[in-house]
Amino acid sequence: MKVTTKWVEGHRVLSYQYDVNRDVGFKFHLLSEVGEPWQAEAKAKQQALLKPGECVVQVELSAKPWYVDAIEKEKV
């Protein structure tokens, strides 16, 4: 399981990627799309990327992938 970030439309977007086997792999932009066996690991890696005062929010984009998990500063 890999969890990485990249900038898309001004948002720090999370990407979840895992390989089932040598020929089959998946990449998602929402934790809810990650398969159940990989969700706990993806959530832990997602949380490890957060700095104090940051949280993960769902953001709607104007183009693909349309909906994503993004890291943003918590609103006080």
PDB file of N, CA and C in Angstrom:
ATOM      1  N   MET A   1       0.839  -1.178   0.000  1.00  0.00           N
ATOM      2  CA  MET A   1       0.000   0.000   0.000  1.00  0.00           C
ATOM      3  C   MET A   1       0.881   1.236   0.000  1.00  0.00           C
ATOM      4  N   LYS A   2       0.634   2.119  -0.951  1.00  0.00           N
ATOM      5  CA  LYS A   2       1.323   3.409  -1.006  1.00  0.00           C
ATOM      6  C   LYS A   2       0.270   4.500  -0.859  1.00  0.00           C
ATOM      7  N   VAL A   3       0.592   5.508  -0.074  1.00  0.00           N
ATOM      8  CA  VAL A   3      -0.257   6.693   0.021  1.00  0.00           C
ATOM      9  C   VAL A   3       0.651   7.881  -0.259  1.00  0.00           C
ATOM     10  N   THR A   4       0.333   8.606  -1.308  1.00  0.00           N
ATOM     11  CA  THR A   4       1.149   9.742  -1.721  1.00  0.00           C
ATOM     12  C   THR A   4       0.256  10.972  -1.889  1.00  0.00           C
ATOM     13  N   THR A   5       0.900  12.115  -2.049  1.00  0.00           N
ATOM     14  CA  THR A   5       0.152  13.348  -2.296  1.00  0.00           C
ATOM     15  C   THR A   5       0.683  14.037  -3.537  1.00  0.00           C
ATOM     16  N   LYS A   6      -0.175  14.831  -4.156  1.00  0.00           N
ATOM     17  CA  LYS A   6       0.232  15.696  -5.261  1.00  0.00           C
ATOM     18  C   LYS A   6      -0.724  16.882  -5.268  1.00  0.00           C
ATOM     19  N   TRP A   7      -0.278  17.976  -5.860  1.00  0.00           N
ATOM     20  CA  TRP A   7      -1.092  19.185  -5.931  1.00  0.00           C
ATOM     21  C   TRP A   7      -1.987  19.126  -7.166  1.00  0.00           C
ATOM     22  N   VAL A   8      -3.298  19.297  -6.926  1.00  0.00           N
ATOM     23  CA  VAL A   8      -4.283  19.331  -8.006  1.00  0.00           C
ATOM     24  C   VAL A   8      -5.238  20.485  -7.712  1.00  0.00           C
ATOM     25  N   GLU A   9      -5.343  21.415  -8.620  1.00  0.00           N
ATOM     26  CA  GLU A   9      -6.252  22.559  -8.481  1.00  0.00           C
ATOM     27  C   GLU A   9      -6.089  23.262  -7.128  1.00  0.00           C
ATOM     28  N   GLY A  10      -4.867  23.383  -6.667  1.00  0.00           N
ATOM     29  CA  GLY A  10      -4.599  24.081  -5.418  1.00  0.00           C
ATOM     30  C   GLY A  10      -4.852  23.277  -4.161  1.00  0.00           C
ATOM     31  N   HIS A  11      -5.111  21.984  -4.314  1.00  0.00           N
ATOM     32  CA  HIS A  11      -5.354  21.102  -3.174  1.00  0.00           C
ATOM     33  C   HIS A  11      -4.251  20.047  -3.099  1.00  0.00           C
ATOM     34  N   ARG A  12      -3.851  19.699  -1.893  1.00  0.00           N
ATOM     35  CA  ARG A  12      -2.895  18.608  -1.681  1.00  0.00           C
ATOM     36  C   ARG A  12      -3.698  17.305  -1.629  1.00  0.00           C
ATOM     37  N   VAL A  13      -3.785  16.619  -2.757  1.00  0.00           N
ATOM     38  CA  VAL A  13      -4.657  15.468  -2.962  1.00  0.00           C
ATOM     39  C   VAL A  13      -3.937  14.168  -2.601  1.00  0.00           C
ATOM     40  N   LEU A  14      -4.658  13.291  -1.903  1.00  0.00           N
ATOM     41  CA  LEU A  14      -4.123  11.979  -1.543  1.00  0.00           C
ATOM     42  C   LEU A  14      -4.399  10.969  -2.644  1.00  0.00           C
ATOM     43  N   SER A  15      -3.472  10.055  -2.826  1.00  0.00           N
ATOM     44  CA  SER A  15      -3.618   8.966  -3.780  1.00  0.00           C
ATOM     45  C   SER A  15      -3.284   7.668  -3.060  1.00  0.00           C
ATOM     46  N   TYR A  16      -4.178   6.689  -3.169  1.00  0.00           N
ATOM     47  CA  TYR A  16      -4.001   5.382  -2.528  1.00  0.00           C
ATOM     48  C   TYR A  16      -3.753   4.358  -3.623  1.00  0.00           C
ATOM     49  N   GLN A  17      -2.648   3.623  -3.507  1.00  0.00           N
ATOM     50  CA  GLN A  17      -2.299   2.672  -4.561  1.00  0.00           C
ATOM     51  C   GLN A  17      -1.835   1.364  -3.939  1.00  0.00           C
ATOM     52  N   TYR A  18      -2.354   0.256  -4.468  1.00  0.00           N
ATOM     53  CA  TYR A  18      -1.886  -1.051  -4.004  1.00  0.00           C
ATOM     54  C   TYR A  18      -1.955  -2.063  -5.140  1.00  0.00           C
ATOM     55  N   ASP A  19      -1.124  -3.064  -5.026  1.00  0.00           N
ATOM     56  CA  ASP A  19      -1.075  -4.140  -6.011  1.00  0.00           C
ATOM     57  C   ASP A  19      -1.613  -5.416  -5.373  1.00  0.00           C
ATOM     58  N   VAL A  20      -2.544  -6.058  -6.064  1.00  0.00           N
ATOM     59  CA  VAL A  20      -3.081  -7.332  -5.599  1.00  0.00           C
ATOM     60  C   VAL A  20      -2.089  -8.434  -5.932  1.00  0.00           C
ATOM     61  N   ASN A  21      -1.562  -8.386  -7.128  1.00  0.00           N
ATOM     62  CA  ASN A  21      -0.522  -9.313  -7.562  1.00  0.00           C
ATOM     63  C   ASN A  21       0.304  -8.625  -8.640  1.00  0.00           C
ATOM     64  N   ARG A  22       1.146  -9.361  -9.272  1.00  0.00           N
ATOM     65  CA  ARG A  22       2.052  -8.807 -10.275  1.00  0.00           C
ATOM     66  C   ARG A  22       1.334  -8.134 -11.441  1.00  0.00           C
ATOM     67  N   ASP A  23       0.121  -8.601 -11.755  1.00  0.00           N
ATOM     68  CA  ASP A  23      -0.603  -8.104 -12.922  1.00  0.00           C
ATOM     69  C   ASP A  23      -1.771  -7.169 -12.587  1.00  0.00           C
ATOM     70  N   VAL A  24      -2.174  -7.122 -11.326  1.00  0.00           N
ATOM     71  CA  VAL A  24      -3.368  -6.360 -10.963  1.00  0.00           C
ATOM     72  C   VAL A  24      -3.053  -5.370  -9.854  1.00  0.00           C
ATOM     73  N   GLY A  25      -3.362  -4.114 -10.098  1.00  0.00           N
ATOM     74  CA  GLY A  25      -3.171  -3.080  -9.090  1.00  0.00           C
ATOM     75  C   GLY A  25      -4.268  -2.035  -9.203  1.00  0.00           C
ATOM     76  N   PHE A  26      -4.407  -1.232  -8.154  1.00  0.00           N
ATOM     77  CA  PHE A  26      -5.470  -0.244  -8.117  1.00  0.00           C
ATOM     78  C   PHE A  26      -4.947   1.079  -7.590  1.00  0.00           C
ATOM     79  N   LYS A  27      -5.560   2.188  -8.055  1.00  0.00           N
ATOM     80  CA  LYS A  27      -5.225   3.520  -7.569  1.00  0.00           C
ATOM     81  C   LYS A  27      -6.530   4.281  -7.366  1.00  0.00           C
ATOM     82  N   PHE A  28      -6.663   4.875  -6.175  1.00  0.00           N
ATOM     83  CA  PHE A  28      -7.878   5.595  -5.832  1.00  0.00           C
ATOM     84  C   PHE A  28      -7.538   6.951  -5.244  1.00  0.00           C
ATOM     85  N   HIS A  29      -8.551   7.842  -5.190  1.00  0.00           N
ATOM     86  CA  HIS A  29      -8.371   9.164  -4.604  1.00  0.00           C
ATOM     87  C   HIS A  29      -9.288   9.391  -3.407  1.00  0.00           C
ATOM     88  N   LEU A  30     -10.060   8.369  -3.030  1.00  0.00           N
ATOM     89  CA  LEU A  30     -10.901   8.424  -1.837  1.00  0.00           C
ATOM     90  C   LEU A  30     -10.628   7.178  -0.997  1.00  0.00           C
ATOM     91  N   LEU A  31     -10.440   7.350   0.291  1.00  0.00           N
ATOM     92  CA  LEU A  31     -10.202   6.204   1.169  1.00  0.00           C
ATOM     93  C   LEU A  31     -11.377   5.235   1.120  1.00  0.00           C
ATOM     94  N   SER A  32     -12.570   5.754   0.954  1.00  0.00           N
ATOM     95  CA  SER A  32     -13.759   4.898   0.917  1.00  0.00           C
ATOM     96  C   SER A  32     -13.758   3.931  -0.272  1.00  0.00           C
ATOM     97  N   GLU A  33     -12.963   4.210  -1.297  1.00  0.00           N
ATOM     98  CA  GLU A  33     -12.878   3.326  -2.465  1.00  0.00           C
ATOM     99  C   GLU A  33     -11.849   2.211  -2.288  1.00  0.00           C
ATOM    100  N   VAL A  34     -10.990   2.341  -1.290  1.00  0.00           N
ATOM    101  CA  VAL A  34      -9.951   1.335  -1.050  1.00  0.00           C
ATOM    102  C   VAL A  34     -10.603   0.066  -0.513  1.00  0.00           C
ATOM    103  N   GLY A  35     -10.165  -1.094  -0.983  1.00  0.00           N
ATOM    104  CA  GLY A  35     -10.717  -2.369  -0.545  1.00  0.00           C
ATOM    105  C   GLY A  35     -10.551  -2.583   0.961  1.00  0.00           C
ATOM    106  N   GLU A  36     -11.508  -3.256   1.562  1.00  0.00           N
ATOM    107  CA  GLU A  36     -11.529  -3.484   3.010  1.00  0.00           C
ATOM    108  C   GLU A  36     -10.219  -4.053   3.563  1.00  0.00           C
ATOM    109  N   PRO A  37      -9.592  -5.042   2.915  1.00  0.00           N
ATOM    110  CA  PRO A  37      -8.341  -5.582   3.481  1.00  0.00           C
ATOM    111  C   PRO A  37      -7.212  -4.558   3.586  1.00  0.00           C
ATOM    112  N   TRP A  38      -7.276  -3.479   2.810  1.00  0.00           N
ATOM    113  CA  TRP A  38      -6.206  -2.474   2.786  1.00  0.00           C
ATOM    114  C   TRP A  38      -6.578  -1.173   3.501  1.00  0.00           C
ATOM    115  N   GLN A  39      -7.824  -1.045   3.941  1.00  0.00           N
ATOM    116  CA  GLN A  39      -8.276   0.234   4.504  1.00  0.00           C
ATOM    117  C   GLN A  39      -7.518   0.656   5.763  1.00  0.00           C
ATOM    118  N   ALA A  40      -7.289  -0.256   6.687  1.00  0.00           N
ATOM    119  CA  ALA A  40      -6.598   0.113   7.934  1.00  0.00           C
ATOM    120  C   ALA A  40      -5.186   0.618   7.635  1.00  0.00           C
ATOM    121  N   GLU A  41      -4.482  -0.075   6.767  1.00  0.00           N
ATOM    122  CA  GLU A  41      -3.119   0.342   6.404  1.00  0.00           C
ATOM    123  C   GLU A  41      -3.146   1.700   5.686  1.00  0.00           C
ATOM    124  N   ALA A  42      -4.099   1.890   4.779  1.00  0.00           N
ATOM    125  CA  ALA A  42      -4.212   3.157   4.058  1.00  0.00           C
ATOM    126  C   ALA A  42      -4.521   4.297   5.026  1.00  0.00           C
ATOM    127  N   LYS A  43      -5.414   4.065   5.979  1.00  0.00           N
ATOM    128  CA  LYS A  43      -5.773   5.102   6.958  1.00  0.00           C
ATOM    129  C   LYS A  43      -4.569   5.471   7.814  1.00  0.00           C
ATOM    130  N   ALA A  44      -3.796   4.475   8.248  1.00  0.00           N
ATOM    131  CA  ALA A  44      -2.604   4.743   9.062  1.00  0.00           C
ATOM    132  C   ALA A  44      -1.583   5.565   8.277  1.00  0.00           C
ATOM    133  N   LYS A  45      -1.378   5.228   7.019  1.00  0.00           N
ATOM    134  CA  LYS A  45      -0.415   5.970   6.192  1.00  0.00           C
ATOM    135  C   LYS A  45      -0.935   7.368   5.878  1.00  0.00           C
ATOM    136  N   GLN A  46      -2.234   7.478   5.709  1.00  0.00           N
ATOM    137  CA  GLN A  46      -2.845   8.785   5.488  1.00  0.00           C
ATOM    138  C   GLN A  46      -2.592   9.680   6.707  1.00  0.00           C
ATOM    139  N   GLN A  47      -2.833   9.155   7.901  1.00  0.00           N
ATOM    140  CA  GLN A  47      -2.652   9.925   9.125  1.00  0.00           C
ATOM    141  C   GLN A  47      -1.185  10.302   9.345  1.00  0.00           C
ATOM    142  N   ALA A  48      -0.266   9.444   8.912  1.00  0.00           N
ATOM    143  CA  ALA A  48       1.169   9.726   9.068  1.00  0.00           C
ATOM    144  C   ALA A  48       1.597  10.924   8.214  1.00  0.00           C
ATOM    145  N   LEU A  49       0.867  11.219   7.156  1.00  0.00           N
ATOM    146  CA  LEU A  49       1.200  12.345   6.286  1.00  0.00           C
ATOM    147  C   LEU A  49       0.727  13.687   6.849  1.00  0.00           C
ATOM    148  N   LEU A  50      -0.180  13.634   7.820  1.00  0.00           N
ATOM    149  CA  LEU A  50      -0.733  14.867   8.385  1.00  0.00           C
ATOM    150  C   LEU A  50       0.234  15.525   9.352  1.00  0.00           C
ATOM    151  N   LYS A  51       0.302  16.837   9.291  1.00  0.00           N
ATOM    152  CA  LYS A  51       1.056  17.631  10.256  1.00  0.00           C
ATOM    153  C   LYS A  51       0.057  18.128  11.293  1.00  0.00           C
ATOM    154  N   PRO A  52       0.538  18.553  12.461  1.00  0.00           N
ATOM    155  CA  PRO A  52      -0.387  19.097  13.454  1.00  0.00           C
ATOM    156  C   PRO A  52      -1.227  20.234  12.853  1.00  0.00           C
ATOM    157  N   GLY A  53      -2.510  20.201  13.131  1.00  0.00           N
ATOM    158  CA  GLY A  53      -3.407  21.230  12.616  1.00  0.00           C
ATOM    159  C   GLY A  53      -3.967  20.941  11.239  1.00  0.00           C
ATOM    160  N   GLU A  54      -3.678  19.765  10.678  1.00  0.00           N
ATOM    161  CA  GLU A  54      -4.202  19.388   9.368  1.00  0.00           C
ATOM    162  C   GLU A  54      -5.224  18.264   9.512  1.00  0.00           C
ATOM    163  N   CYS A  55      -6.121  18.173   8.542  1.00  0.00           N
ATOM    164  CA  CYS A  55      -7.106  17.103   8.508  1.00  0.00           C
ATOM    165  C   CYS A  55      -7.361  16.710   7.053  1.00  0.00           C
ATOM    166  N   VAL A  56      -8.065  15.610   6.870  1.00  0.00           N
ATOM    167  CA  VAL A  56      -8.416  15.137   5.532  1.00  0.00           C
ATOM    168  C   VAL A  56      -9.877  15.491   5.270  1.00  0.00           C
ATOM    169  N   VAL A  57     -10.132  16.114   4.141  1.00  0.00           N
ATOM    170  CA  VAL A  57     -11.485  16.484   3.741  1.00  0.00           C
ATOM    171  C   VAL A  57     -11.734  16.013   2.313  1.00  0.00           C
ATOM    172  N   GLN A  58     -12.996  15.789   1.973  1.00  0.00           N
ATOM    173  CA  GLN A  58     -13.334  15.475   0.595  1.00  0.00           C
ATOM    174  C   GLN A  58     -13.529  16.773  -0.164  1.00  0.00           C
ATOM    175  N   VAL A  59     -12.968  16.824  -1.363  1.00  0.00           N
ATOM    176  CA  VAL A  59     -13.027  18.027  -2.194  1.00  0.00           C
ATOM    177  C   VAL A  59     -13.554  17.641  -3.570  1.00  0.00           C
ATOM    178  N   GLU A  60     -14.416  18.483  -4.116  1.00  0.00           N
ATOM    179  CA  GLU A  60     -14.894  18.296  -5.484  1.00  0.00           C
ATOM    180  C   GLU A  60     -14.021  19.130  -6.417  1.00  0.00           C
ATOM    181  N   LEU A  61     -13.501  18.487  -7.460  1.00  0.00           N
ATOM    182  CA  LEU A  61     -12.656  19.161  -8.444  1.00  0.00           C
ATOM    183  C   LEU A  61     -13.465  19.460  -9.703  1.00  0.00           C
ATOM    184  N   SER A  62     -12.914  20.279 -10.581  1.00  0.00           N
ATOM    185  CA  SER A  62     -13.604  20.624 -11.825  1.00  0.00           C
ATOM    186  C   SER A  62     -13.321  19.636 -12.960  1.00  0.00           C
ATOM    187  N   ALA A  63     -12.440  18.670 -12.724  1.00  0.00           N
ATOM    188  CA  ALA A  63     -12.117  17.652 -13.732  1.00  0.00           C
ATOM    189  C   ALA A  63     -11.749  16.348 -13.021  1.00  0.00           C
ATOM    190  N   LYS A  64     -11.495  15.307 -13.798  1.00  0.00           N
ATOM    191  CA  LYS A  64     -11.126  14.021 -13.194  1.00  0.00           C
ATOM    192  C   LYS A  64      -9.986  14.209 -12.227  1.00  0.00           C
ATOM    193  N   PRO A  65      -9.980  13.562 -11.123  1.00  0.00           N
ATOM    194  CA  PRO A  65     -10.847  12.500 -10.627  1.00  0.00           C
ATOM    195  C   PRO A  65     -12.131  12.963  -9.941  1.00  0.00           C
ATOM    196  N   TRP A  66     -12.550  14.198 -10.091  1.00  0.00           N
ATOM    197  CA  TRP A  66     -13.808  14.769  -9.614  1.00  0.00           C
ATOM    198  C   TRP A  66     -13.899  14.907  -8.099  1.00  0.00           C
ATOM    199  N   TYR A  67     -13.846  13.795  -7.356  1.00  0.00           N
ATOM    200  CA  TYR A  67     -13.883  13.838  -5.890  1.00  0.00           C
ATOM    201  C   TYR A  67     -12.613  13.209  -5.341  1.00  0.00           C
ATOM    202  N   VAL A  68     -11.997  13.872  -4.357  1.00  0.00           N
ATOM    203  CA  VAL A  68     -10.727  13.392  -3.801  1.00  0.00           C
ATOM    204  C   VAL A  68     -10.682  13.648  -2.304  1.00  0.00           C
ATOM    205  N   ASP A  69      -9.808  12.911  -1.631  1.00  0.00           N
ATOM    206  CA  ASP A  69      -9.418  13.235  -0.267  1.00  0.00           C
ATOM    207  C   ASP A  69      -8.269  14.222  -0.390  1.00  0.00           C
ATOM    208  N   ALA A  70      -8.345  15.306   0.368  1.00  0.00           N
ATOM    209  CA  ALA A  70      -7.293  16.314   0.331  1.00  0.00           C
ATOM    210  C   ALA A  70      -6.894  16.687   1.751  1.00  0.00           C
ATOM    211  N   ILE A  71      -5.641  17.066   1.916  1.00  0.00           N
ATOM    212  CA  ILE A  71      -5.136  17.509   3.215  1.00  0.00           C
ATOM    213  C   ILE A  71      -5.259  19.033   3.264  1.00  0.00           C
ATOM    214  N   GLU A  72      -5.921  19.504   4.311  1.00  0.00           N
ATOM    215  CA  GLU A  72      -6.089  20.944   4.491  1.00  0.00           C
ATOM    216  C   GLU A  72      -5.885  21.304   5.950  1.00  0.00           C
ATOM    217  N   LYS A  73      -5.683  22.571   6.206  1.00  0.00           N
ATOM    218  CA  LYS A  73      -5.591  23.035   7.584  1.00  0.00           C
ATOM    219  C   LYS A  73      -6.961  22.952   8.227  1.00  0.00           C
ATOM    220  N   GLU A  74      -6.977  22.512   9.498  1.00  0.00           N
ATOM    221  CA  GLU A  74      -8.247  22.456  10.217  1.00  0.00           C
ATOM    222  C   GLU A  74      -8.807  23.862  10.379  1.00  0.00           C
ATOM    223  N   LYS A  75     -10.098  23.969  10.231  1.00  0.00           N
ATOM    224  CA  LYS A  75     -10.749  25.270  10.437  1.00  0.00           C
ATOM    225  C   LYS A  75     -11.116  25.398  11.896  1.00  0.00           C
ATOM    226  N   VAL A  76     -10.719  26.501  12.482  1.00  0.00           N
ATOM    227  CA  VAL A  76     -10.961  26.720  13.910  1.00  0.00           C
ATOM    228  C   VAL A  76     -12.239  27.474  14.112  1.00  0.00           C
TER     229      VAL A  76
END
